[in-house]
Amino acid sequence: MARWEDVAETDEAKDRNFVTALARGLELLRCFRFDEIELTNTDFAERTKLPKATISRLTYTLCKLDYLVADTRTGTYRLNSGVLQLGFGVLAGMDIARRARDELRGLCVGPNPYVTVAMGEQHRFDVIYVASESSQEDVTLTARIGSRLPLFFSAIGRSILVAMTEEDREALFLKAQEYDPDMARSARKSFAAAQTEYQADGYCRSYGDWRADVNGISVPVFSLGGRRIYGMNIGGPSFHVKTKQLENYYAPRLIAAAKRLSTLRQD
């Protein structure tokens, strides 16, 4: 199975404008996973498959630029404030995340105190949350800004896929084919089901597909004249958030909220 980075470098190999060193530096910053605070050069090397000598130069440079901070006692690195500034810059530029806040909060107000509502945008084979609201109950689905869900197998990912142009969607499937043929076959099958659901009901489902204990539905949201596509989902633990309630009560409200947020007319 190829890595996304390998596939990307193959695509860009003949592009004279592609800066490999910059791409590798950004890949290092992406190595940090949820709830990870520190990584070593060995961790970076294992996750990027780059030589340790290259990793050392990259971490040194990223420390100089304040994107990483080194702990010389332990030989570890953690993300520094420079990355935080980039993240806030991205979120500040997403007017839709600000406009979505009231809609997300409104969807949380209802008969079920265990629901979580979020918006996300596609990145590679994931969806990254850019806004979220949860009930105050202890047993809810954790949905923090920056959390990742699988693009092909979550409700929010499926809703983004059905709203993409055929050209953009096919490009993703072809890249998935290079990355993992088995995943690509499952992805196409998942999309076909999602497309049928969306055409019939106006939303996409994921009942135990992403996680066995999670039920969720999602719809696409368009922004900036349709040039950017987001997904907006609502769901929660399957033992508290039942499918009938999602479809009968929350789905019409979710669809209406998405139409209010979208700047592209949806027919």
C-alpha atoms as a PDB file:
ATOM      1  CA  MET A   1       0.000   0.000   0.000  1.00  0.00           C
ATOM      2  CA  ALA A   2       1.390   3.396  -0.987  1.00  0.00           C
ATOM      3  CA  ARG A   3       1.311   6.380   1.322  1.00  0.00           C
ATOM      4  CA  TRP A   4      -0.557   9.567   0.358  1.00  0.00           C
ATOM      5  CA  GLU A   5       2.814  11.341   0.374  1.00  0.00           C
ATOM      6  CA  ASP A   6       4.263   8.859  -2.128  1.00  0.00           C
ATOM      7  CA  VAL A   7       1.284   9.310  -4.423  1.00  0.00           C
ATOM      8  CA  ALA A   8       1.500  13.094  -4.130  1.00  0.00           C
ATOM      9  CA  GLU A   9       5.224  13.170  -4.857  1.00  0.00           C
ATOM     10  CA  THR A  10       4.669  10.997  -7.939  1.00  0.00           C
ATOM     11  CA  ASP A  11       2.030  13.454  -9.161  1.00  0.00           C
ATOM     12  CA  GLU A  12       4.303  16.432  -8.555  1.00  0.00           C
ATOM     13  CA  ALA A  13       7.592  14.859  -9.684  1.00  0.00           C
ATOM     14  CA  LYS A  14       7.480  16.648 -13.033  1.00  0.00           C
ATOM     15  CA  ASP A  15       6.228  19.932 -11.594  1.00  0.00           C
ATOM     16  CA  ARG A  16       9.147  22.391 -11.538  1.00  0.00           C
ATOM     17  CA  ASN A  17       7.236  24.655  -9.137  1.00  0.00           C
ATOM     18  CA  PHE A  18       6.789  21.935  -6.494  1.00  0.00           C
ATOM     19  CA  VAL A  19       9.104  22.504  -3.482  1.00  0.00           C
ATOM     20  CA  THR A  20       9.817  19.092  -1.989  1.00  0.00           C
ATOM     21  CA  ALA A  21      11.568  20.474   1.106  1.00  0.00           C
ATOM     22  CA  LEU A  22       8.532  22.576   1.991  1.00  0.00           C
ATOM     23  CA  ALA A  23       6.214  19.603   1.473  1.00  0.00           C
ATOM     24  CA  ARG A  24       8.331  17.458   3.760  1.00  0.00           C
ATOM     25  CA  GLY A  25       8.350  20.109   6.474  1.00  0.00           C
ATOM     26  CA  LEU A  26       4.577  20.286   6.393  1.00  0.00           C
ATOM     27  CA  GLU A  27       4.374  16.487   6.556  1.00  0.00           C
ATOM     28  CA  LEU A  28       6.384  16.612   9.776  1.00  0.00           C
ATOM     29  CA  LEU A  29       3.863  18.977  11.349  1.00  0.00           C
ATOM     30  CA  ARG A  30       1.060  16.614  10.327  1.00  0.00           C
ATOM     31  CA  CYS A  31       2.708  13.714  12.160  1.00  0.00           C
ATOM     32  CA  PHE A  32       1.156  14.780  15.462  1.00  0.00           C
ATOM     33  CA  ARG A  33      -1.984  12.802  16.184  1.00  0.00           C
ATOM     34  CA  PHE A  34      -4.891  13.577  18.468  1.00  0.00           C
ATOM     35  CA  ASP A  35      -3.783  13.788  22.133  1.00  0.00           C
ATOM     36  CA  GLU A  36      -0.075  13.497  21.232  1.00  0.00           C
ATOM     37  CA  ILE A  37       2.063  16.193  22.792  1.00  0.00           C
ATOM     38  CA  GLU A  38       5.635  15.149  21.996  1.00  0.00           C
ATOM     39  CA  LEU A  39       7.395  13.205  19.228  1.00  0.00           C
ATOM     40  CA  THR A  40      11.021  12.225  18.643  1.00  0.00           C
ATOM     41  CA  ASN A  41      13.052  12.295  15.455  1.00  0.00           C
ATOM     42  CA  THR A  42      12.604   8.528  15.350  1.00  0.00           C
ATOM     43  CA  ASP A  43       8.816   8.964  15.478  1.00  0.00           C
ATOM     44  CA  PHE A  44       8.969  11.454  12.601  1.00  0.00           C
ATOM     45  CA  ALA A  45      11.190   9.139  10.567  1.00  0.00           C
ATOM     46  CA  GLU A  46       8.901   6.164  11.072  1.00  0.00           C
ATOM     47  CA  ARG A  47       5.789   8.122  10.077  1.00  0.00           C
ATOM     48  CA  THR A  48       7.236   9.954   7.080  1.00  0.00           C
ATOM     49  CA  LYS A  49       9.699   7.247   5.913  1.00  0.00           C
ATOM     50  CA  LEU A  50      12.311   9.986   5.489  1.00  0.00           C
ATOM     51  CA  PRO A  51      15.990   9.495   6.437  1.00  0.00           C
ATOM     52  CA  LYS A  52      16.886  10.526   9.978  1.00  0.00           C
ATOM     53  CA  ALA A  53      19.447  13.022   8.674  1.00  0.00           C
ATOM     54  CA  THR A  54      16.681  14.755   6.693  1.00  0.00           C
ATOM     55  CA  ILE A  55      14.394  14.681   9.729  1.00  0.00           C
ATOM     56  CA  SER A  56      17.073  16.346  11.868  1.00  0.00           C
ATOM     57  CA  ARG A  57      17.438  19.201   9.390  1.00  0.00           C
ATOM     58  CA  LEU A  58      13.692  19.649   9.142  1.00  0.00           C
ATOM     59  CA  THR A  59      13.090  19.678  12.903  1.00  0.00           C
ATOM     60  CA  TYR A  60      15.976  22.133  13.345  1.00  0.00           C
ATOM     61  CA  THR A  61      14.481  24.466  10.747  1.00  0.00           C
ATOM     62  CA  LEU A  62      10.942  24.182  12.160  1.00  0.00           C
ATOM     63  CA  CYS A  63      12.279  25.029  15.622  1.00  0.00           C
ATOM     64  CA  LYS A  64      14.019  28.118  14.225  1.00  0.00           C
ATOM     65  CA  LEU A  65      10.705  29.188  12.704  1.00  0.00           C
ATOM     66  CA  ASP A  66       8.800  28.599  15.987  1.00  0.00           C
ATOM     67  CA  TYR A  67       6.645  25.820  14.573  1.00  0.00           C
ATOM     68  CA  LEU A  68       8.301  23.256  16.850  1.00  0.00           C
ATOM     69  CA  VAL A  69       9.993  23.539  20.230  1.00  0.00           C
ATOM     70  CA  ALA A  70      12.675  21.064  21.301  1.00  0.00           C
ATOM     71  CA  ASP A  71      13.209  19.521  24.720  1.00  0.00           C
ATOM     72  CA  THR A  72      16.933  18.751  24.797  1.00  0.00           C
ATOM     73  CA  ARG A  73      16.594  16.668  27.957  1.00  0.00           C
ATOM     74  CA  THR A  74      14.250  14.123  26.376  1.00  0.00           C
ATOM     75  CA  GLY A  75      15.070  14.570  22.702  1.00  0.00           C
ATOM     76  CA  THR A  76      11.430  15.312  21.900  1.00  0.00           C
ATOM     77  CA  TYR A  77       9.579  18.016  20.000  1.00  0.00           C
ATOM     78  CA  ARG A  78       6.174  19.575  20.512  1.00  0.00           C
ATOM     79  CA  LEU A  79       4.137  21.962  18.400  1.00  0.00           C
ATOM     80  CA  ASN A  80       4.828  25.598  19.144  1.00  0.00           C
ATOM     81  CA  SER A  81       2.754  28.777  18.911  1.00  0.00           C
ATOM     82  CA  GLY A  82       3.611  29.300  15.232  1.00  0.00           C
ATOM     83  CA  VAL A  83       1.368  26.375  14.319  1.00  0.00           C
ATOM     84  CA  LEU A  84      -1.371  27.734  16.566  1.00  0.00           C
ATOM     85  CA  GLN A  85      -1.216  31.049  14.730  1.00  0.00           C
ATOM     86  CA  LEU A  86      -1.611  29.253  11.422  1.00  0.00           C
ATOM     87  CA  GLY A  87      -4.578  27.307  12.753  1.00  0.00           C
ATOM     88  CA  PHE A  88      -6.331  30.390  14.062  1.00  0.00           C
ATOM     89  CA  GLY A  89      -5.593  32.137  10.791  1.00  0.00           C
ATOM     90  CA  VAL A  90      -7.357  29.355   8.898  1.00  0.00           C
ATOM     91  CA  LEU A  91     -10.369  29.402  11.207  1.00  0.00           C
ATOM     92  CA  ALA A  92     -10.535  33.201  11.125  1.00  0.00           C
ATOM     93  CA  GLY A  93     -10.710  33.026   7.346  1.00  0.00           C
ATOM     94  CA  MET A  94     -13.639  30.630   7.465  1.00  0.00           C
ATOM     95  CA  ASP A  95     -16.585  32.965   7.664  1.00  0.00           C
ATOM     96  CA  ILE A  96     -18.872  29.968   7.428  1.00  0.00           C
ATOM     97  CA  ALA A  97     -17.571  28.589  10.734  1.00  0.00           C
ATOM     98  CA  ARG A  98     -18.649  31.794  12.461  1.00  0.00           C
ATOM     99  CA  ARG A  99     -21.990  31.870  10.698  1.00  0.00           C
ATOM    100  CA  ALA A 100     -22.570  28.214  11.523  1.00  0.00           C
ATOM    101  CA  ARG A 101     -22.267  28.651  15.270  1.00  0.00           C
ATOM    102  CA  ASP A 102     -25.859  29.679  15.887  1.00  0.00           C
ATOM    103  CA  GLU A 103     -27.167  26.978  13.550  1.00  0.00           C
ATOM    104  CA  LEU A 104     -25.137  24.294  15.316  1.00  0.00           C
ATOM    105  CA  ARG A 105     -26.296  25.462  18.720  1.00  0.00           C
ATOM    106  CA  GLY A 106     -29.874  25.540  17.528  1.00  0.00           C
ATOM    107  CA  LEU A 107     -29.674  21.951  16.309  1.00  0.00           C
ATOM    108  CA  CYS A 108     -28.388  20.865  19.733  1.00  0.00           C
ATOM    109  CA  VAL A 109     -31.590  22.211  21.292  1.00  0.00           C
ATOM    110  CA  GLY A 110     -34.140  19.452  20.964  1.00  0.00           C
ATOM    111  CA  PRO A 111     -35.566  16.320  22.516  1.00  0.00           C
ATOM    112  CA  ASN A 112     -32.231  14.487  22.750  1.00  0.00           C
ATOM    113  CA  PRO A 113     -29.562  15.924  25.077  1.00  0.00           C
ATOM    114  CA  TYR A 114     -26.909  13.531  23.774  1.00  0.00           C
ATOM    115  CA  VAL A 115     -26.519  14.808  20.215  1.00  0.00           C
ATOM    116  CA  THR A 116     -23.403  16.436  18.805  1.00  0.00           C
ATOM    117  CA  VAL A 117     -23.435  18.723  15.755  1.00  0.00           C
ATOM    118  CA  ALA A 118     -20.361  19.636  13.709  1.00  0.00           C
ATOM    119  CA  MET A 119     -19.110  21.005  10.417  1.00  0.00           C
ATOM    120  CA  GLY A 120     -16.073  19.700   8.577  1.00  0.00           C
ATOM    121  CA  GLU A 121     -14.071  20.089   5.381  1.00  0.00           C
ATOM    122  CA  GLN A 122     -12.307  17.446   3.283  1.00  0.00           C
ATOM    123  CA  HIS A 123      -8.546  17.057   3.555  1.00  0.00           C
ATOM    124  CA  ARG A 124      -7.027  14.129   1.681  1.00  0.00           C
ATOM    125  CA  PHE A 125      -8.976  11.036   2.770  1.00  0.00           C
ATOM    126  CA  ASP A 126     -10.287  12.667   5.951  1.00  0.00           C
ATOM    127  CA  VAL A 127     -12.816  15.254   7.055  1.00  0.00           C
ATOM    128  CA  ILE A 128     -11.516  17.775   9.585  1.00  0.00           C
ATOM    129  CA  TYR A 129     -13.950  19.466  11.937  1.00  0.00           C
ATOM    130  CA  VAL A 130     -13.884  23.274  11.722  1.00  0.00           C
ATOM    131  CA  ALA A 131     -16.803  23.913  14.094  1.00  0.00           C
ATOM    132  CA  SER A 132     -18.724  21.835  16.618  1.00  0.00           C
ATOM    133  CA  GLU A 133     -21.336  22.017  19.358  1.00  0.00           C
ATOM    134  CA  SER A 134     -22.243  19.312  21.858  1.00  0.00           C
ATOM    135  CA  SER A 135     -24.787  18.851  24.586  1.00  0.00           C
ATOM    136  CA  GLN A 136     -23.649  19.055  28.175  1.00  0.00           C
ATOM    137  CA  GLU A 137     -24.346  15.406  28.919  1.00  0.00           C
ATOM    138  CA  ASP A 138     -21.426  13.272  30.056  1.00  0.00           C
ATOM    139  CA  VAL A 139     -22.110  10.561  27.470  1.00  0.00           C
ATOM    140  CA  THR A 140     -21.765  12.342  24.143  1.00  0.00           C
ATOM    141  CA  LEU A 141     -19.716  11.934  20.999  1.00  0.00           C
ATOM    142  CA  THR A 142     -16.489  13.912  21.288  1.00  0.00           C
ATOM    143  CA  ALA A 143     -16.235  16.335  18.367  1.00  0.00           C
ATOM    144  CA  ARG A 144     -13.411  18.800  18.855  1.00  0.00           C
ATOM    145  CA  ILE A 145     -12.284  21.281  16.228  1.00  0.00           C
ATOM    146  CA  GLY A 146      -9.470  19.557  14.373  1.00  0.00           C
ATOM    147  CA  SER A 147     -10.857  16.055  14.890  1.00  0.00           C
ATOM    148  CA  ARG A 148     -10.635  13.786  11.840  1.00  0.00           C
ATOM    149  CA  LEU A 149     -13.216  11.411  10.399  1.00  0.00           C
ATOM    150  CA  PRO A 150     -12.829   9.069   7.417  1.00  0.00           C
ATOM    151  CA  LEU A 151     -14.009  10.741   4.218  1.00  0.00           C
ATOM    152  CA  PHE A 152     -15.383   7.616   2.574  1.00  0.00           C
ATOM    153  CA  PHE A 153     -17.066   5.926   5.514  1.00  0.00           C
ATOM    154  CA  SER A 154     -18.567   8.622   7.748  1.00  0.00           C
ATOM    155  CA  ALA A 155     -21.854  10.411   7.168  1.00  0.00           C
ATOM    156  CA  ILE A 156     -20.133  13.796   6.986  1.00  0.00           C
ATOM    157  CA  GLY A 157     -17.603  12.507   4.461  1.00  0.00           C
ATOM    158  CA  ARG A 158     -20.291  10.971   2.305  1.00  0.00           C
ATOM    159  CA  SER A 159     -22.252  14.223   2.252  1.00  0.00           C
ATOM    160  CA  ILE A 160     -19.168  16.036   0.963  1.00  0.00           C
ATOM    161  CA  LEU A 161     -18.586  13.398  -1.695  1.00  0.00           C
ATOM    162  CA  VAL A 162     -22.123  13.600  -3.073  1.00  0.00           C
ATOM    163  CA  ALA A 163     -21.769  17.373  -3.436  1.00  0.00           C
ATOM    164  CA  MET A 164     -18.435  17.279  -5.281  1.00  0.00           C
ATOM    165  CA  THR A 165     -18.163  17.604  -9.009  1.00  0.00           C
ATOM    166  CA  GLU A 166     -17.769  14.294 -10.784  1.00  0.00           C
ATOM    167  CA  GLU A 167     -14.278  15.314 -11.885  1.00  0.00           C
ATOM    168  CA  ASP A 168     -13.062  16.143  -8.361  1.00  0.00           C
ATOM    169  CA  ARG A 169     -14.637  13.021  -6.895  1.00  0.00           C
ATOM    170  CA  GLU A 170     -13.115  10.743  -9.530  1.00  0.00           C
ATOM    171  CA  ALA A 171      -9.685  12.265  -8.917  1.00  0.00           C
ATOM    172  CA  LEU A 172     -10.029  11.319  -5.251  1.00  0.00           C
ATOM    173  CA  PHE A 173     -11.070   7.774  -6.084  1.00  0.00           C
ATOM    174  CA  LEU A 174      -8.112   7.378  -8.440  1.00  0.00           C
ATOM    175  CA  LYS A 175      -5.737   8.600  -5.752  1.00  0.00           C
ATOM    176  CA  ALA A 176      -7.372   6.183  -3.306  1.00  0.00           C
ATOM    177  CA  GLN A 177      -6.793   3.409  -5.839  1.00  0.00           C
ATOM    178  CA  GLU A 178      -3.064   4.154  -5.798  1.00  0.00           C
ATOM    179  CA  TYR A 179      -3.045   4.460  -2.033  1.00  0.00           C
ATOM    180  CA  ASP A 180      -5.021   1.297  -1.202  1.00  0.00           C
ATOM    181  CA  PRO A 181      -7.003  -0.625  -3.860  1.00  0.00           C
ATOM    182  CA  ASP A 182      -9.176  -2.373  -1.260  1.00  0.00           C
ATOM    183  CA  MET A 183     -10.095   0.934   0.343  1.00  0.00           C
ATOM    184  CA  ALA A 184     -10.870   2.400  -3.072  1.00  0.00           C
ATOM    185  CA  ARG A 185     -13.296  -0.404  -3.902  1.00  0.00           C
ATOM    186  CA  SER A 186     -15.064   0.030  -0.561  1.00  0.00           C
ATOM    187  CA  ALA A 187     -15.074   3.796  -1.049  1.00  0.00           C
ATOM    188  CA  ARG A 188     -16.842   3.566  -4.398  1.00  0.00           C
ATOM    189  CA  LYS A 189     -19.427   1.195  -2.959  1.00  0.00           C
ATOM    190  CA  SER A 190     -19.964   3.497   0.028  1.00  0.00           C
ATOM    191  CA  PHE A 191     -20.396   6.498  -2.260  1.00  0.00           C
ATOM    192  CA  ALA A 192     -22.927   4.713  -4.477  1.00  0.00           C
ATOM    193  CA  ALA A 193     -25.098   3.996  -1.435  1.00  0.00           C
ATOM    194  CA  ALA A 194     -24.691   7.566  -0.168  1.00  0.00           C
ATOM    195  CA  GLN A 195     -25.672   9.026  -3.531  1.00  0.00           C
ATOM    196  CA  THR A 196     -28.862   6.956  -3.563  1.00  0.00           C
ATOM    197  CA  GLU A 197     -29.689   8.053  -0.013  1.00  0.00           C
ATOM    198  CA  TYR A 198     -29.056  11.709  -0.759  1.00  0.00           C
ATOM    199  CA  GLN A 199     -31.147  11.722  -3.920  1.00  0.00           C
ATOM    200  CA  ALA A 200     -34.029  10.045  -2.093  1.00  0.00           C
ATOM    201  CA  ASP A 201     -33.912  11.770   1.306  1.00  0.00           C
ATOM    202  CA  GLY A 202     -31.663  14.834   1.071  1.00  0.00           C
ATOM    203  CA  TYR A 203     -29.080  13.570   3.565  1.00  0.00           C
ATOM    204  CA  CYS A 204     -26.511  10.816   4.065  1.00  0.00           C
ATOM    205  CA  ARG A 205     -26.433   8.208   6.837  1.00  0.00           C
ATOM    206  CA  SER A 206     -23.793   6.367   8.805  1.00  0.00           C
ATOM    207  CA  TYR A 207     -25.223   3.913  11.291  1.00  0.00           C
ATOM    208  CA  GLY A 208     -22.336   2.010  12.790  1.00  0.00           C
ATOM    209  CA  ASP A 209     -20.253   2.248   9.593  1.00  0.00           C
ATOM    210  CA  TRP A 210     -17.565   4.583  10.897  1.00  0.00           C
ATOM    211  CA  ARG A 211     -17.803   3.395  14.499  1.00  0.00           C
ATOM    212  CA  ALA A 212     -20.064   0.597  15.649  1.00  0.00           C
ATOM    213  CA  ASP A 213     -21.401   2.680  18.541  1.00  0.00           C
ATOM    214  CA  VAL A 214     -22.169   5.874  16.585  1.00  0.00           C
ATOM    215  CA  ASN A 215     -25.217   6.927  14.563  1.00  0.00           C
ATOM    216  CA  GLY A 216     -25.132  10.038  12.422  1.00  0.00           C
ATOM    217  CA  ILE A 217     -26.639  11.857   9.455  1.00  0.00           C
ATOM    218  CA  SER A 218     -25.128  14.662   7.402  1.00  0.00           C
ATOM    219  CA  VAL A 219     -25.791  17.148   4.610  1.00  0.00           C
ATOM    220  CA  PRO A 220     -23.484  19.247   2.406  1.00  0.00           C
ATOM    221  CA  VAL A 221     -23.051  22.973   2.928  1.00  0.00           C
ATOM    222  CA  PHE A 222     -21.721  25.223   0.164  1.00  0.00           C
ATOM    223  CA  SER A 223     -19.702  28.373   0.692  1.00  0.00           C
ATOM    224  CA  LEU A 224     -18.005  31.076  -1.360  1.00  0.00           C
ATOM    225  CA  GLY A 225     -20.232  30.673  -4.350  1.00  0.00           C
ATOM    226  CA  GLY A 226     -19.969  26.912  -4.179  1.00  0.00           C
ATOM    227  CA  ARG A 227     -16.179  26.780  -4.490  1.00  0.00           C
ATOM    228  CA  ARG A 228     -15.844  25.158  -1.056  1.00  0.00           C
ATOM    229  CA  ILE A 229     -17.907  22.260   0.245  1.00  0.00           C
ATOM    230  CA  TYR A 230     -18.440  21.414   3.891  1.00  0.00           C
ATOM    231  CA  GLY A 231     -20.370  18.663   5.581  1.00  0.00           C
ATOM    232  CA  MET A 232     -22.672  19.285   8.545  1.00  0.00           C
ATOM    233  CA  ASN A 233     -23.592  16.314  10.676  1.00  0.00           C
ATOM    234  CA  ILE A 234     -25.592  15.454  13.747  1.00  0.00           C
ATOM    235  CA  GLY A 235     -25.328  12.251  15.725  1.00  0.00           C
ATOM    236  CA  GLY A 236     -24.153  10.591  18.870  1.00  0.00           C
ATOM    237  CA  PRO A 237     -23.818   7.319  20.779  1.00  0.00           C
ATOM    238  CA  SER A 238     -26.111   4.729  19.224  1.00  0.00           C
ATOM    239  CA  PHE A 239     -27.533   3.681  22.592  1.00  0.00           C
ATOM    240  CA  HIS A 240     -28.832   7.243  23.110  1.00  0.00           C
ATOM    241  CA  VAL A 241     -29.267   8.614  19.579  1.00  0.00           C
ATOM    242  CA  LYS A 242     -31.638   6.393  17.628  1.00  0.00           C
ATOM    243  CA  THR A 243     -31.993   6.278  13.867  1.00  0.00           C
ATOM    244  CA  LYS A 244     -35.726   7.029  13.755  1.00  0.00           C
ATOM    245  CA  GLN A 245     -35.283  10.190  15.788  1.00  0.00           C
ATOM    246  CA  LEU A 246     -32.421  11.323  13.567  1.00  0.00           C
ATOM    247  CA  GLU A 247     -34.497  10.797  10.440  1.00  0.00           C
ATOM    248  CA  ASN A 248     -37.878  12.024  11.653  1.00  0.00           C
ATOM    249  CA  TYR A 249     -36.937  14.944  13.914  1.00  0.00           C
ATOM    250  CA  TYR A 250     -33.390  16.083  13.194  1.00  0.00           C
ATOM    251  CA  ALA A 251     -33.054  15.476   9.437  1.00  0.00           C
ATOM    252  CA  PRO A 252     -35.563  18.168   8.335  1.00  0.00           C
ATOM    253  CA  ARG A 253     -33.907  20.681  10.677  1.00  0.00           C
ATOM    254  CA  LEU A 254     -30.441  19.754   9.478  1.00  0.00           C
ATOM    255  CA  ILE A 255     -31.446  20.182   5.834  1.00  0.00           C
ATOM    256  CA  ALA A 256     -33.033  23.565   6.570  1.00  0.00           C
ATOM    257  CA  ALA A 257     -29.940  24.761   8.477  1.00  0.00           C
ATOM    258  CA  ALA A 258     -27.680  23.746   5.592  1.00  0.00           C
ATOM    259  CA  LYS A 259     -29.807  25.681   3.104  1.00  0.00           C
ATOM    260  CA  ARG A 260     -29.612  28.790   5.279  1.00  0.00           C
ATOM    261  CA  LEU A 261     -25.836  28.517   5.511  1.00  0.00           C
ATOM    262  CA  SER A 262     -25.171  27.770   1.866  1.00  0.00           C
ATOM    263  CA  THR A 263     -24.388  30.642  -0.454  1.00  0.00           C
ATOM    264  CA  LEU A 264     -24.997  28.410  -3.460  1.00  0.00           C
ATOM    265  CA  ARG A 265     -28.583  27.861  -4.416  1.00  0.00           C
ATOM    266  CA  GLN A 266     -29.572  24.222  -3.907  1.00  0.00           C
ATOM    267  CA  ASP A 267     -32.332  22.995  -6.197  1.00  0.00           C
END
